[in-house]
């Protein structure tokens, strides 16, 4: 079984354990620092969603891979890098501050949909808005003409995966507040290699996994 097969199976088991369909969870394979050849192998196995967190690395890979890949930008985005990322991605996971919204709408056509990033653990060093500001930022972005699809968060480091569950549940609760005002903003992007099964059990609709599929990044 490949790393990709293993992760898919683990997602399915986690979803089924709480009465969800495995298809309700989108796996975004995180490909930072991975060569296009490795990405191409996963594409040949049916994987179509990939995530990058650096604008230049994303731009360098896109034209070397099939055009039907859906790219997700999952890292912090500087406003001066929006012009690189916006034409490429299918979704921005990191609308993390009010001033990024006006930059995201600039350019031809409608901007790709976004997720609002929430600083779920209150860590000042992390990007995102505080939980109490998440609904407001969703509404501000929507007022600019941005399609808000939901929320994203990275919980604080924990000793065991299960300890991340309260953070995931908190994001799901905020997400429920958002969907009362924006019914189609139901996506929850949460869970990575060390905790994605816990996230799925808590309601994640998108998980971002790299190391569990590729192994550690070579030194």
N, C-alpha and C. Protein backbone atom coordinates (compact mmCIF):
# COMPACT_ATOMS: atom_id res chain seq x y z
N UNK A 1 0.85 -1.20 0.00
CA UNK A 1 0.00 0.00 0.00
C UNK A 1 0.88 1.24 0.00
N UNK A 2 0.59 2.17 -0.90
CA UNK A 2 1.35 3.41 -0.95
C UNK A 2 0.95 4.34 0.19
N UNK A 3 1.76 5.39 0.38
CA UNK A 3 1.41 6.38 1.38
C UNK A 3 0.07 7.02 1.09
N UNK A 4 -0.19 7.28 -0.18
CA UNK A 4 -1.47 7.88 -0.56
C UNK A 4 -2.63 6.93 -0.24
N UNK A 5 -2.48 5.67 -0.58
CA UNK A 5 -3.54 4.70 -0.29
C UNK A 5 -3.79 4.61 1.21
N UNK A 6 -2.72 4.60 1.98
CA UNK A 6 -2.85 4.49 3.43
C UNK A 6 -3.61 5.68 4.01
N UNK A 7 -3.28 6.88 3.57
CA UNK A 7 -3.95 8.07 4.08
C UNK A 7 -5.42 8.07 3.66
N UNK A 8 -5.69 7.69 2.43
CA UNK A 8 -7.08 7.61 1.99
C UNK A 8 -7.87 6.63 2.85
N UNK A 9 -7.27 5.49 3.16
CA UNK A 9 -7.95 4.48 3.98
C UNK A 9 -8.18 4.99 5.39
N UNK A 10 -7.21 5.70 5.93
CA UNK A 10 -7.36 6.25 7.28
C UNK A 10 -8.44 7.32 7.34
N UNK A 11 -8.52 8.15 6.30
CA UNK A 11 -9.60 9.14 6.22
C UNK A 11 -10.95 8.44 6.18
N UNK A 12 -11.05 7.40 5.37
CA UNK A 12 -12.32 6.68 5.25
C UNK A 12 -12.74 6.08 6.59
N UNK A 13 -11.80 5.46 7.30
CA UNK A 13 -12.14 4.86 8.59
C UNK A 13 -12.58 5.93 9.60
N UNK A 14 -11.86 7.05 9.61
CA UNK A 14 -12.21 8.12 10.56
C UNK A 14 -13.59 8.69 10.25
N UNK A 15 -13.90 8.85 8.97
CA UNK A 15 -15.22 9.36 8.60
C UNK A 15 -16.31 8.38 8.97
N UNK A 16 -16.11 7.14 8.63
CA UNK A 16 -17.13 6.13 8.90
C UNK A 16 -17.35 5.93 10.39
N UNK A 17 -16.32 6.17 11.20
CA UNK A 17 -16.45 5.98 12.65
C UNK A 17 -17.44 6.95 13.28
N UNK A 18 -17.70 8.07 12.58
CA UNK A 18 -18.67 9.05 13.10
C UNK A 18 -19.87 9.18 12.16
N UNK A 19 -20.07 8.17 11.31
CA UNK A 19 -21.26 8.13 10.47
C UNK A 19 -21.20 9.04 9.26
N UNK A 20 -19.99 9.41 8.83
CA UNK A 20 -19.85 10.27 7.65
C UNK A 20 -19.41 9.44 6.46
N UNK A 21 -19.68 9.95 5.26
CA UNK A 21 -19.19 9.33 4.05
C UNK A 21 -17.75 9.76 3.80
N UNK A 22 -16.88 8.85 3.45
CA UNK A 22 -15.49 9.23 3.16
C UNK A 22 -15.39 10.31 2.09
N UNK A 23 -16.34 10.32 1.15
CA UNK A 23 -16.31 11.30 0.06
C UNK A 23 -16.58 12.72 0.55
N UNK A 24 -17.01 12.86 1.79
CA UNK A 24 -17.27 14.19 2.33
C UNK A 24 -15.99 14.91 2.75
N UNK A 25 -14.86 14.21 2.65
CA UNK A 25 -13.57 14.79 3.03
C UNK A 25 -12.67 14.88 1.81
N UNK A 26 -12.17 16.07 1.53
CA UNK A 26 -11.22 16.27 0.43
C UNK A 26 -9.80 16.21 0.98
N UNK A 27 -9.00 15.37 0.38
CA UNK A 27 -7.59 15.28 0.74
C UNK A 27 -6.78 16.22 -0.15
N UNK A 28 -6.13 17.20 0.48
CA UNK A 28 -5.20 18.07 -0.21
C UNK A 28 -3.79 17.60 0.14
N UNK A 29 -3.06 17.13 -0.86
CA UNK A 29 -1.69 16.66 -0.63
C UNK A 29 -0.76 17.86 -0.64
N UNK A 30 -0.04 18.03 0.46
CA UNK A 30 0.88 19.16 0.60
C UNK A 30 2.20 18.82 -0.07
N UNK A 31 2.58 19.62 -1.05
CA UNK A 31 3.71 19.26 -1.93
C UNK A 31 4.90 20.21 -1.80
N UNK A 32 4.96 21.00 -0.73
CA UNK A 32 6.09 21.91 -0.58
C UNK A 32 7.40 21.12 -0.52
N UNK A 33 8.38 21.62 -1.28
CA UNK A 33 9.71 21.02 -1.37
C UNK A 33 9.72 19.64 -2.01
N UNK A 34 8.63 19.29 -2.67
CA UNK A 34 8.58 18.00 -3.36
C UNK A 34 8.70 18.22 -4.86
N UNK A 35 9.48 17.40 -5.55
CA UNK A 35 9.65 17.58 -7.00
C UNK A 35 8.40 17.23 -7.78
N UNK A 36 8.29 17.81 -8.97
CA UNK A 36 7.09 17.57 -9.78
C UNK A 36 6.96 16.11 -10.16
N UNK A 37 8.07 15.38 -10.23
CA UNK A 37 7.98 13.96 -10.57
C UNK A 37 7.19 13.19 -9.52
N UNK A 38 7.41 13.50 -8.26
CA UNK A 38 6.66 12.82 -7.20
C UNK A 38 5.19 13.21 -7.23
N UNK A 39 4.93 14.46 -7.52
CA UNK A 39 3.54 14.92 -7.62
C UNK A 39 2.85 14.22 -8.79
N UNK A 40 3.57 14.07 -9.89
CA UNK A 40 3.02 13.39 -11.05
C UNK A 40 2.63 11.96 -10.77
N UNK A 41 3.40 11.28 -9.93
CA UNK A 41 3.06 9.91 -9.57
C UNK A 41 1.73 9.86 -8.83
N UNK A 42 1.54 10.78 -7.90
CA UNK A 42 0.27 10.82 -7.16
C UNK A 42 -0.89 11.18 -8.08
N UNK A 43 -0.64 12.09 -9.01
CA UNK A 43 -1.67 12.44 -9.99
C UNK A 43 -2.09 11.20 -10.79
N UNK A 44 -1.12 10.38 -11.17
CA UNK A 44 -1.44 9.17 -11.93
C UNK A 44 -2.24 8.17 -11.11
N UNK A 45 -2.23 8.33 -9.78
CA UNK A 45 -3.01 7.47 -8.89
C UNK A 45 -4.38 8.09 -8.57
N UNK A 46 -4.71 9.18 -9.28
CA UNK A 46 -6.03 9.77 -9.14
C UNK A 46 -6.12 10.96 -8.21
N UNK A 47 -5.00 11.41 -7.66
CA UNK A 47 -5.04 12.56 -6.76
C UNK A 47 -5.06 13.85 -7.58
N UNK A 48 -6.02 14.73 -7.29
CA UNK A 48 -6.18 15.95 -8.08
C UNK A 48 -6.04 17.23 -7.27
N UNK A 49 -6.02 17.13 -5.94
CA UNK A 49 -5.93 18.32 -5.10
C UNK A 49 -4.56 18.37 -4.43
N UNK A 50 -3.84 19.47 -4.67
CA UNK A 50 -2.51 19.64 -4.10
C UNK A 50 -2.39 21.02 -3.48
N UNK A 51 -1.54 21.14 -2.46
CA UNK A 51 -1.39 22.40 -1.76
C UNK A 51 0.04 22.86 -1.65
N UNK A 52 0.23 24.15 -1.83
CA UNK A 52 1.55 24.78 -1.68
C UNK A 52 1.42 25.97 -0.74
N UNK A 53 2.53 26.32 -0.09
CA UNK A 53 2.50 27.46 0.82
C UNK A 53 3.49 28.56 0.47
N UNK A 54 4.13 28.45 -0.70
CA UNK A 54 5.03 29.51 -1.17
C UNK A 54 4.66 29.85 -2.61
N UNK A 55 4.49 31.14 -2.86
CA UNK A 55 4.01 31.58 -4.17
C UNK A 55 4.95 31.18 -5.29
N UNK A 56 6.24 31.42 -5.11
CA UNK A 56 7.19 31.13 -6.19
C UNK A 56 7.28 29.65 -6.49
N UNK A 57 7.26 28.84 -5.45
CA UNK A 57 7.34 27.39 -5.67
C UNK A 57 6.09 26.89 -6.38
N UNK A 58 4.95 27.42 -6.00
CA UNK A 58 3.70 27.06 -6.69
C UNK A 58 3.79 27.41 -8.16
N UNK A 59 4.20 28.64 -8.47
CA UNK A 59 4.25 29.09 -9.86
C UNK A 59 5.22 28.26 -10.68
N UNK A 60 6.32 27.84 -10.07
CA UNK A 60 7.32 27.05 -10.79
C UNK A 60 6.82 25.65 -11.14
N UNK A 61 5.88 25.13 -10.37
CA UNK A 61 5.41 23.76 -10.59
C UNK A 61 4.21 23.67 -11.52
N UNK A 62 3.38 24.69 -11.52
CA UNK A 62 2.08 24.58 -12.18
C UNK A 62 2.19 24.20 -13.65
N UNK A 63 3.03 24.87 -14.38
CA UNK A 63 3.10 24.62 -15.82
C UNK A 63 3.80 23.32 -16.18
N UNK A 64 4.35 22.65 -15.20
CA UNK A 64 5.02 21.37 -15.44
C UNK A 64 4.13 20.18 -15.08
N UNK A 65 2.90 20.47 -14.71
CA UNK A 65 1.98 19.42 -14.28
C UNK A 65 0.64 19.58 -14.99
N UNK A 66 -0.21 18.54 -14.98
CA UNK A 66 -1.47 18.60 -15.73
C UNK A 66 -2.35 19.77 -15.31
N UNK A 67 -3.08 20.29 -16.28
CA UNK A 67 -3.88 21.50 -16.05
C UNK A 67 -5.15 21.24 -15.26
N UNK A 68 -5.55 19.98 -15.09
CA UNK A 68 -6.78 19.73 -14.34
C UNK A 68 -6.53 19.52 -12.85
N UNK A 69 -5.31 19.76 -12.40
CA UNK A 69 -5.02 19.76 -10.96
C UNK A 69 -5.68 20.98 -10.34
N UNK A 70 -6.26 20.80 -9.16
CA UNK A 70 -6.76 21.93 -8.37
C UNK A 70 -5.71 22.27 -7.32
N UNK A 71 -5.17 23.47 -7.42
CA UNK A 71 -4.14 23.92 -6.49
C UNK A 71 -4.77 24.71 -5.36
N UNK A 72 -4.30 24.44 -4.15
CA UNK A 72 -4.74 25.14 -2.95
C UNK A 72 -3.54 25.89 -2.39
N UNK A 73 -3.73 27.17 -2.09
CA UNK A 73 -2.66 27.91 -1.42
C UNK A 73 -2.95 27.89 0.06
N UNK A 74 -2.02 27.31 0.84
CA UNK A 74 -2.31 27.00 2.23
C UNK A 74 -1.44 27.76 3.22
N UNK A 75 -0.55 28.62 2.73
CA UNK A 75 0.33 29.35 3.62
C UNK A 75 -0.03 30.82 3.70
N UNK A 76 0.66 31.55 4.58
CA UNK A 76 0.42 33.00 4.66
C UNK A 76 0.77 33.66 3.33
N UNK A 77 -0.04 34.62 2.94
CA UNK A 77 0.12 35.26 1.62
C UNK A 77 0.33 36.76 1.80
N UNK A 78 1.47 37.24 1.31
CA UNK A 78 1.72 38.67 1.30
C UNK A 78 0.90 39.31 0.17
N UNK A 79 0.48 40.54 0.38
CA UNK A 79 -0.35 41.18 -0.64
C UNK A 79 0.39 41.34 -1.95
N UNK A 80 1.71 41.50 -1.91
CA UNK A 80 2.46 41.66 -3.16
C UNK A 80 2.67 40.34 -3.90
N UNK A 81 2.24 39.23 -3.32
CA UNK A 81 2.33 37.93 -3.99
C UNK A 81 0.97 37.47 -4.51
N UNK A 82 -0.07 38.25 -4.25
CA UNK A 82 -1.41 37.88 -4.71
C UNK A 82 -1.44 37.72 -6.23
N UNK A 83 -0.75 38.60 -6.95
CA UNK A 83 -0.77 38.55 -8.42
C UNK A 83 -0.20 37.24 -8.95
N UNK A 84 0.66 36.57 -8.18
CA UNK A 84 1.21 35.28 -8.58
C UNK A 84 0.22 34.16 -8.29
N UNK A 85 -0.37 34.20 -7.12
CA UNK A 85 -1.19 33.08 -6.64
C UNK A 85 -2.61 33.09 -7.21
N UNK A 86 -3.21 34.27 -7.29
CA UNK A 86 -4.62 34.38 -7.66
C UNK A 86 -4.98 33.70 -8.99
N UNK A 87 -4.18 33.84 -10.06
CA UNK A 87 -4.57 33.22 -11.33
C UNK A 87 -4.42 31.70 -11.35
N UNK A 88 -3.76 31.14 -10.33
CA UNK A 88 -3.39 29.72 -10.36
C UNK A 88 -4.32 28.85 -9.54
N UNK A 89 -4.71 29.32 -8.37
CA UNK A 89 -5.31 28.42 -7.39
C UNK A 89 -6.82 28.27 -7.56
N UNK A 90 -7.30 27.15 -7.05
CA UNK A 90 -8.74 26.93 -6.97
C UNK A 90 -9.32 27.38 -5.66
N UNK A 91 -8.43 27.52 -4.64
CA UNK A 91 -8.89 27.99 -3.34
C UNK A 91 -7.72 28.55 -2.55
N UNK A 92 -7.98 29.66 -1.84
CA UNK A 92 -7.04 30.23 -0.88
C UNK A 92 -7.50 29.83 0.51
N UNK A 93 -6.63 29.14 1.25
CA UNK A 93 -6.99 28.68 2.60
C UNK A 93 -6.65 29.71 3.67
N UNK A 94 -6.00 30.80 3.31
CA UNK A 94 -5.38 31.65 4.32
C UNK A 94 -5.73 33.12 4.19
N UNK A 95 -7.03 33.41 4.08
CA UNK A 95 -7.46 34.80 4.24
C UNK A 95 -7.40 35.08 5.74
N UNK A 96 -6.31 35.71 6.16
CA UNK A 96 -6.00 35.78 7.58
C UNK A 96 -6.07 37.18 8.19
N UNK A 97 -6.45 38.17 7.37
CA UNK A 97 -6.50 39.55 7.87
C UNK A 97 -7.35 40.37 6.92
N UNK A 98 -7.96 41.43 7.42
CA UNK A 98 -8.88 42.20 6.58
C UNK A 98 -8.23 42.80 5.35
N UNK A 99 -6.98 43.25 5.44
CA UNK A 99 -6.37 43.95 4.30
C UNK A 99 -6.03 43.03 3.13
N UNK A 100 -6.07 41.72 3.34
CA UNK A 100 -5.81 40.81 2.22
C UNK A 100 -7.00 40.75 1.27
N UNK A 101 -8.20 40.98 1.76
CA UNK A 101 -9.39 40.89 0.93
C UNK A 101 -9.37 41.83 -0.26
N UNK A 102 -9.13 43.15 -0.06
CA UNK A 102 -9.08 44.06 -1.20
C UNK A 102 -8.02 43.69 -2.23
N UNK A 103 -6.90 43.15 -1.78
CA UNK A 103 -5.86 42.72 -2.72
C UNK A 103 -6.33 41.50 -3.51
N UNK A 104 -7.09 40.61 -2.87
CA UNK A 104 -7.53 39.37 -3.51
C UNK A 104 -8.56 39.64 -4.61
N UNK A 105 -9.33 40.69 -4.49
CA UNK A 105 -10.35 40.95 -5.52
C UNK A 105 -9.78 41.67 -6.74
N UNK A 106 -8.58 42.20 -6.63
CA UNK A 106 -8.00 42.91 -7.77
C UNK A 106 -7.59 41.91 -8.85
N UNK A 107 -7.85 42.27 -10.09
CA UNK A 107 -7.49 41.39 -11.20
C UNK A 107 -8.69 41.04 -12.03
N UNK A 108 -8.45 40.39 -13.18
CA UNK A 108 -9.56 40.06 -14.08
C UNK A 108 -10.44 38.96 -13.52
N UNK A 109 -11.72 39.06 -13.79
CA UNK A 109 -12.65 38.01 -13.41
C UNK A 109 -12.88 37.93 -11.91
N UNK A 110 -13.65 36.94 -11.53
CA UNK A 110 -13.94 36.73 -10.11
C UNK A 110 -12.76 36.07 -9.43
N UNK A 111 -12.44 36.46 -8.20
CA UNK A 111 -11.33 35.82 -7.50
C UNK A 111 -11.71 34.40 -7.07
N UNK A 112 -10.74 33.52 -6.93
CA UNK A 112 -11.05 32.17 -6.43
C UNK A 112 -11.64 32.24 -5.03
N UNK A 113 -12.40 31.24 -4.63
CA UNK A 113 -12.97 31.22 -3.29
C UNK A 113 -11.90 31.12 -2.21
N UNK A 114 -12.30 31.47 -1.00
CA UNK A 114 -11.34 31.53 0.11
C UNK A 114 -11.90 30.85 1.34
N UNK A 115 -10.97 30.51 2.22
CA UNK A 115 -11.28 30.12 3.59
C UNK A 115 -10.67 31.17 4.51
N UNK A 116 -11.37 31.54 5.54
CA UNK A 116 -10.84 32.47 6.53
C UNK A 116 -10.04 31.69 7.56
N UNK A 117 -8.80 32.11 7.77
CA UNK A 117 -7.93 31.41 8.72
C UNK A 117 -8.16 31.95 10.12
N UNK A 118 -8.38 31.02 11.05
CA UNK A 118 -8.67 31.37 12.45
C UNK A 118 -7.50 30.94 13.33
N UNK A 119 -7.07 31.84 14.18
CA UNK A 119 -5.98 31.55 15.13
C UNK A 119 -6.62 30.86 16.33
N UNK A 120 -6.88 29.58 16.14
CA UNK A 120 -7.77 28.86 17.03
C UNK A 120 -7.20 28.69 18.43
N UNK A 121 -5.88 28.69 18.56
CA UNK A 121 -5.27 28.54 19.88
C UNK A 121 -4.84 29.85 20.50
N UNK A 122 -5.13 30.96 19.82
CA UNK A 122 -4.75 32.26 20.36
C UNK A 122 -3.26 32.54 20.34
N UNK A 123 -2.50 31.78 19.55
CA UNK A 123 -1.04 31.96 19.52
C UNK A 123 -0.70 33.21 18.70
N UNK A 124 -0.02 34.15 19.34
CA UNK A 124 0.25 35.43 18.67
C UNK A 124 1.20 35.26 17.49
N UNK A 125 2.01 34.22 17.50
CA UNK A 125 2.98 34.05 16.42
C UNK A 125 2.36 33.44 15.17
N UNK A 126 1.13 32.96 15.25
CA UNK A 126 0.49 32.33 14.10
C UNK A 126 -0.38 33.34 13.36
N UNK A 127 -0.56 33.08 12.09
CA UNK A 127 -1.43 33.92 11.27
C UNK A 127 -2.89 33.55 11.52
N UNK A 128 -3.76 34.50 11.22
CA UNK A 128 -5.19 34.26 11.36
C UNK A 128 -5.85 35.29 12.25
N UNK A 129 -7.17 35.30 12.22
CA UNK A 129 -7.93 36.18 13.09
C UNK A 129 -8.32 35.43 14.35
N UNK A 130 -8.54 36.16 15.42
CA UNK A 130 -9.01 35.54 16.65
C UNK A 130 -10.40 34.95 16.42
N UNK A 131 -10.77 33.91 17.17
CA UNK A 131 -12.07 33.28 16.96
C UNK A 131 -13.25 34.24 16.95
N UNK A 132 -13.21 35.24 17.82
CA UNK A 132 -14.32 36.18 17.87
C UNK A 132 -14.42 37.11 16.68
N UNK A 133 -13.37 37.15 15.84
CA UNK A 133 -13.37 38.01 14.66
C UNK A 133 -13.64 37.25 13.37
N UNK A 134 -13.77 35.93 13.46
CA UNK A 134 -13.87 35.12 12.25
C UNK A 134 -15.14 35.41 11.46
N UNK A 135 -16.27 35.48 12.13
CA UNK A 135 -17.53 35.74 11.42
C UNK A 135 -17.47 37.10 10.74
N UNK A 136 -16.94 38.08 11.44
CA UNK A 136 -16.83 39.42 10.87
C UNK A 136 -15.98 39.47 9.63
N UNK A 137 -14.84 38.76 9.64
CA UNK A 137 -13.98 38.77 8.46
C UNK A 137 -14.66 38.04 7.30
N UNK A 138 -15.39 36.98 7.59
CA UNK A 138 -16.15 36.30 6.53
C UNK A 138 -17.12 37.26 5.86
N UNK A 139 -17.81 38.04 6.66
CA UNK A 139 -18.80 38.96 6.12
C UNK A 139 -18.14 40.10 5.35
N UNK A 140 -17.01 40.59 5.85
CA UNK A 140 -16.28 41.65 5.13
C UNK A 140 -15.81 41.15 3.77
N UNK A 141 -15.28 39.94 3.74
CA UNK A 141 -14.80 39.39 2.48
C UNK A 141 -15.96 39.20 1.50
N UNK A 142 -17.06 38.70 2.01
CA UNK A 142 -18.23 38.49 1.14
C UNK A 142 -18.74 39.82 0.57
N UNK A 143 -18.67 40.87 1.38
CA UNK A 143 -19.12 42.18 0.92
C UNK A 143 -18.24 42.72 -0.21
N UNK A 144 -17.00 42.23 -0.28
CA UNK A 144 -16.09 42.63 -1.36
C UNK A 144 -16.34 41.83 -2.65
N UNK A 145 -17.20 40.84 -2.58
CA UNK A 145 -17.45 39.99 -3.73
C UNK A 145 -16.63 38.72 -3.74
N UNK A 146 -16.03 38.38 -2.60
CA UNK A 146 -15.25 37.15 -2.49
C UNK A 146 -16.17 36.02 -2.03
N UNK A 147 -16.05 34.87 -2.68
CA UNK A 147 -16.82 33.70 -2.27
C UNK A 147 -16.13 33.05 -1.08
N UNK A 148 -16.73 33.16 0.07
CA UNK A 148 -16.19 32.57 1.29
C UNK A 148 -16.78 31.17 1.44
N UNK A 149 -15.89 30.16 1.49
CA UNK A 149 -16.35 28.78 1.54
C UNK A 149 -16.28 28.16 2.92
N UNK A 150 -15.64 28.85 3.87
CA UNK A 150 -15.55 28.30 5.22
C UNK A 150 -14.33 28.79 5.95
N UNK A 151 -13.79 27.92 6.81
CA UNK A 151 -12.72 28.30 7.73
C UNK A 151 -11.54 27.34 7.65
N UNK A 152 -10.39 27.83 8.06
CA UNK A 152 -9.17 27.00 8.18
C UNK A 152 -8.50 27.31 9.50
N UNK A 153 -7.86 26.30 10.08
CA UNK A 153 -7.10 26.54 11.31
C UNK A 153 -5.99 25.51 11.45
N UNK A 154 -4.95 25.92 12.18
CA UNK A 154 -3.87 25.03 12.60
C UNK A 154 -3.82 25.11 14.12
N UNK A 155 -4.15 24.03 14.81
CA UNK A 155 -4.17 24.10 16.27
C UNK A 155 -2.76 24.19 16.85
N UNK A 156 -2.66 24.55 18.12
CA UNK A 156 -1.34 24.57 18.76
C UNK A 156 -0.75 23.16 18.83
N UNK A 157 0.58 23.06 18.98
CA UNK A 157 1.20 21.74 19.15
C UNK A 157 0.65 21.04 20.39
N UNK A 158 0.43 19.75 20.27
CA UNK A 158 -0.08 18.96 21.40
C UNK A 158 0.75 17.68 21.52
N UNK A 159 0.68 17.08 22.69
CA UNK A 159 1.48 15.89 22.95
C UNK A 159 0.92 14.65 22.26
N UNK A 160 -0.39 14.62 22.08
CA UNK A 160 -1.06 13.48 21.44
C UNK A 160 -2.14 14.01 20.52
N UNK A 161 -2.39 13.34 19.39
CA UNK A 161 -3.39 13.84 18.43
C UNK A 161 -4.74 14.14 19.04
N UNK A 162 -5.18 13.30 19.99
CA UNK A 162 -6.50 13.48 20.57
C UNK A 162 -6.64 14.82 21.29
N UNK A 163 -5.51 15.38 21.73
CA UNK A 163 -5.56 16.64 22.45
C UNK A 163 -5.89 17.82 21.53
N UNK A 164 -5.83 17.60 20.23
CA UNK A 164 -6.22 18.65 19.28
C UNK A 164 -7.73 18.71 19.09
N UNK A 165 -8.45 17.70 19.55
CA UNK A 165 -9.89 17.63 19.30
C UNK A 165 -10.66 18.86 19.78
N UNK A 166 -10.38 19.41 20.98
CA UNK A 166 -11.14 20.59 21.39
C UNK A 166 -10.97 21.78 20.45
N UNK A 167 -9.79 21.92 19.88
CA UNK A 167 -9.57 23.02 18.93
C UNK A 167 -10.37 22.80 17.65
N UNK A 168 -10.40 21.55 17.18
CA UNK A 168 -11.18 21.26 15.98
C UNK A 168 -12.67 21.45 16.23
N UNK A 169 -13.11 21.05 17.40
CA UNK A 169 -14.53 21.23 17.73
C UNK A 169 -14.87 22.72 17.82
N UNK A 170 -13.94 23.50 18.36
CA UNK A 170 -14.18 24.94 18.44
C UNK A 170 -14.30 25.55 17.05
N UNK A 171 -13.44 25.12 16.12
CA UNK A 171 -13.55 25.65 14.76
C UNK A 171 -14.88 25.25 14.14
N UNK A 172 -15.31 24.01 14.39
CA UNK A 172 -16.61 23.57 13.86
C UNK A 172 -17.75 24.41 14.42
N UNK A 173 -17.65 24.79 15.69
CA UNK A 173 -18.69 25.64 16.29
C UNK A 173 -18.70 27.03 15.65
N UNK A 174 -17.52 27.58 15.40
CA UNK A 174 -17.47 28.87 14.71
C UNK A 174 -18.01 28.73 13.30
N UNK A 175 -17.66 27.61 12.66
CA UNK A 175 -18.19 27.36 11.32
C UNK A 175 -19.70 27.31 11.28
N UNK A 176 -20.31 26.75 12.33
CA UNK A 176 -21.77 26.71 12.39
C UNK A 176 -22.35 28.13 12.48
N UNK A 177 -21.65 29.03 13.20
CA UNK A 177 -22.10 30.42 13.26
C UNK A 177 -22.01 31.07 11.88
N UNK A 178 -20.92 30.76 11.17
CA UNK A 178 -20.74 31.34 9.84
C UNK A 178 -21.84 30.88 8.89
N UNK A 179 -22.16 29.60 8.91
CA UNK A 179 -23.15 29.08 7.96
C UNK A 179 -24.56 29.58 8.24
N UNK A 180 -24.80 30.06 9.44
CA UNK A 180 -26.11 30.68 9.69
C UNK A 180 -26.28 31.96 8.87
N UNK A 181 -25.16 32.61 8.57
CA UNK A 181 -25.18 33.85 7.80
C UNK A 181 -24.80 33.64 6.34
N UNK A 182 -23.92 32.66 6.10
CA UNK A 182 -23.47 32.34 4.74
C UNK A 182 -23.65 30.83 4.56
N UNK A 183 -24.81 30.38 4.12
CA UNK A 183 -25.12 28.95 4.14
C UNK A 183 -24.13 28.06 3.40
N UNK A 184 -23.51 28.57 2.33
CA UNK A 184 -22.62 27.70 1.56
C UNK A 184 -21.17 27.78 2.03
N UNK A 185 -20.91 28.39 3.20
CA UNK A 185 -19.55 28.50 3.73
C UNK A 185 -19.32 27.41 4.77
N UNK A 186 -19.50 26.17 4.36
CA UNK A 186 -19.48 25.06 5.31
C UNK A 186 -18.17 24.27 5.33
N UNK A 187 -17.18 24.69 4.57
CA UNK A 187 -15.92 23.95 4.55
C UNK A 187 -15.12 24.20 5.83
N UNK A 188 -14.50 23.14 6.33
CA UNK A 188 -13.59 23.23 7.47
C UNK A 188 -12.28 22.57 7.09
N UNK A 189 -11.27 23.39 6.83
CA UNK A 189 -9.94 22.88 6.48
C UNK A 189 -9.13 22.78 7.76
N UNK A 190 -9.01 21.57 8.28
CA UNK A 190 -8.29 21.37 9.54
C UNK A 190 -7.81 19.93 9.59
N UNK A 191 -6.64 19.75 10.17
CA UNK A 191 -6.04 18.43 10.25
C UNK A 191 -4.90 18.26 9.28
N UNK A 192 -3.76 17.81 9.83
CA UNK A 192 -2.57 17.55 9.01
C UNK A 192 -2.05 16.16 9.37
N UNK A 193 -0.82 15.86 8.99
CA UNK A 193 -0.30 14.50 9.13
C UNK A 193 -0.51 13.92 10.52
N UNK A 194 -0.24 14.69 11.56
CA UNK A 194 -0.26 14.12 12.90
C UNK A 194 -1.65 14.00 13.52
N UNK A 195 -2.64 14.66 12.92
CA UNK A 195 -3.94 14.71 13.60
C UNK A 195 -5.14 14.67 12.67
N UNK A 196 -4.95 14.30 11.40
CA UNK A 196 -6.07 14.45 10.46
C UNK A 196 -7.23 13.53 10.78
N UNK A 197 -6.97 12.38 11.37
CA UNK A 197 -8.09 11.49 11.72
C UNK A 197 -8.96 12.11 12.82
N UNK A 198 -8.32 12.76 13.79
CA UNK A 198 -9.06 13.45 14.85
C UNK A 198 -9.88 14.58 14.24
N UNK A 199 -9.28 15.28 13.28
CA UNK A 199 -9.98 16.39 12.62
C UNK A 199 -11.20 15.89 11.84
N UNK A 200 -11.05 14.80 11.14
CA UNK A 200 -12.19 14.24 10.39
C UNK A 200 -13.32 13.88 11.34
N UNK A 201 -12.98 13.25 12.46
CA UNK A 201 -14.01 12.89 13.44
C UNK A 201 -14.72 14.11 14.00
N UNK A 202 -14.01 15.27 14.00
CA UNK A 202 -14.59 16.50 14.52
C UNK A 202 -15.32 17.31 13.45
N UNK A 203 -15.29 16.85 12.19
CA UNK A 203 -16.05 17.52 11.15
C UNK A 203 -15.26 18.12 10.02
N UNK A 204 -13.96 17.87 9.94
CA UNK A 204 -13.17 18.42 8.84
C UNK A 204 -13.74 17.98 7.50
N UNK A 205 -13.80 18.92 6.56
CA UNK A 205 -14.19 18.58 5.19
C UNK A 205 -12.99 18.61 4.26
N UNK A 206 -11.88 19.21 4.72
CA UNK A 206 -10.62 19.25 3.97
C UNK A 206 -9.50 18.94 4.95
N UNK A 207 -8.61 18.02 4.59
CA UNK A 207 -7.41 17.78 5.39
C UNK A 207 -6.19 18.02 4.50
N UNK A 208 -5.11 18.51 5.11
CA UNK A 208 -3.90 18.89 4.38
C UNK A 208 -2.76 17.99 4.85
N UNK A 209 -2.36 17.05 4.01
CA UNK A 209 -1.44 16.01 4.45
C UNK A 209 -0.26 15.91 3.48
N UNK A 210 0.95 15.94 4.02
CA UNK A 210 2.13 15.77 3.19
C UNK A 210 3.02 14.64 3.69
N UNK A 211 3.54 14.78 4.90
CA UNK A 211 4.54 13.86 5.42
C UNK A 211 4.04 12.42 5.50
N UNK A 212 2.77 12.21 5.83
CA UNK A 212 2.24 10.86 5.91
C UNK A 212 2.19 10.17 4.56
N UNK A 213 2.27 10.96 3.49
CA UNK A 213 2.24 10.41 2.13
C UNK A 213 3.64 10.27 1.56
N UNK A 214 4.45 11.33 1.70
CA UNK A 214 5.78 11.33 1.12
C UNK A 214 6.87 10.84 2.04
N UNK A 215 6.64 10.91 3.35
CA UNK A 215 7.73 10.73 4.31
C UNK A 215 8.37 12.09 4.56
N UNK A 216 9.37 12.13 5.45
CA UNK A 216 10.03 13.42 5.76
C UNK A 216 10.69 14.03 4.54
N UNK A 217 10.77 15.35 4.54
CA UNK A 217 11.47 16.06 3.47
C UNK A 217 12.96 15.71 3.57
N UNK A 218 13.59 15.29 2.48
CA UNK A 218 15.02 14.96 2.53
C UNK A 218 15.85 16.18 2.92
N UNK A 219 16.89 15.94 3.69
CA UNK A 219 17.79 17.04 4.07
C UNK A 219 18.69 17.44 2.89
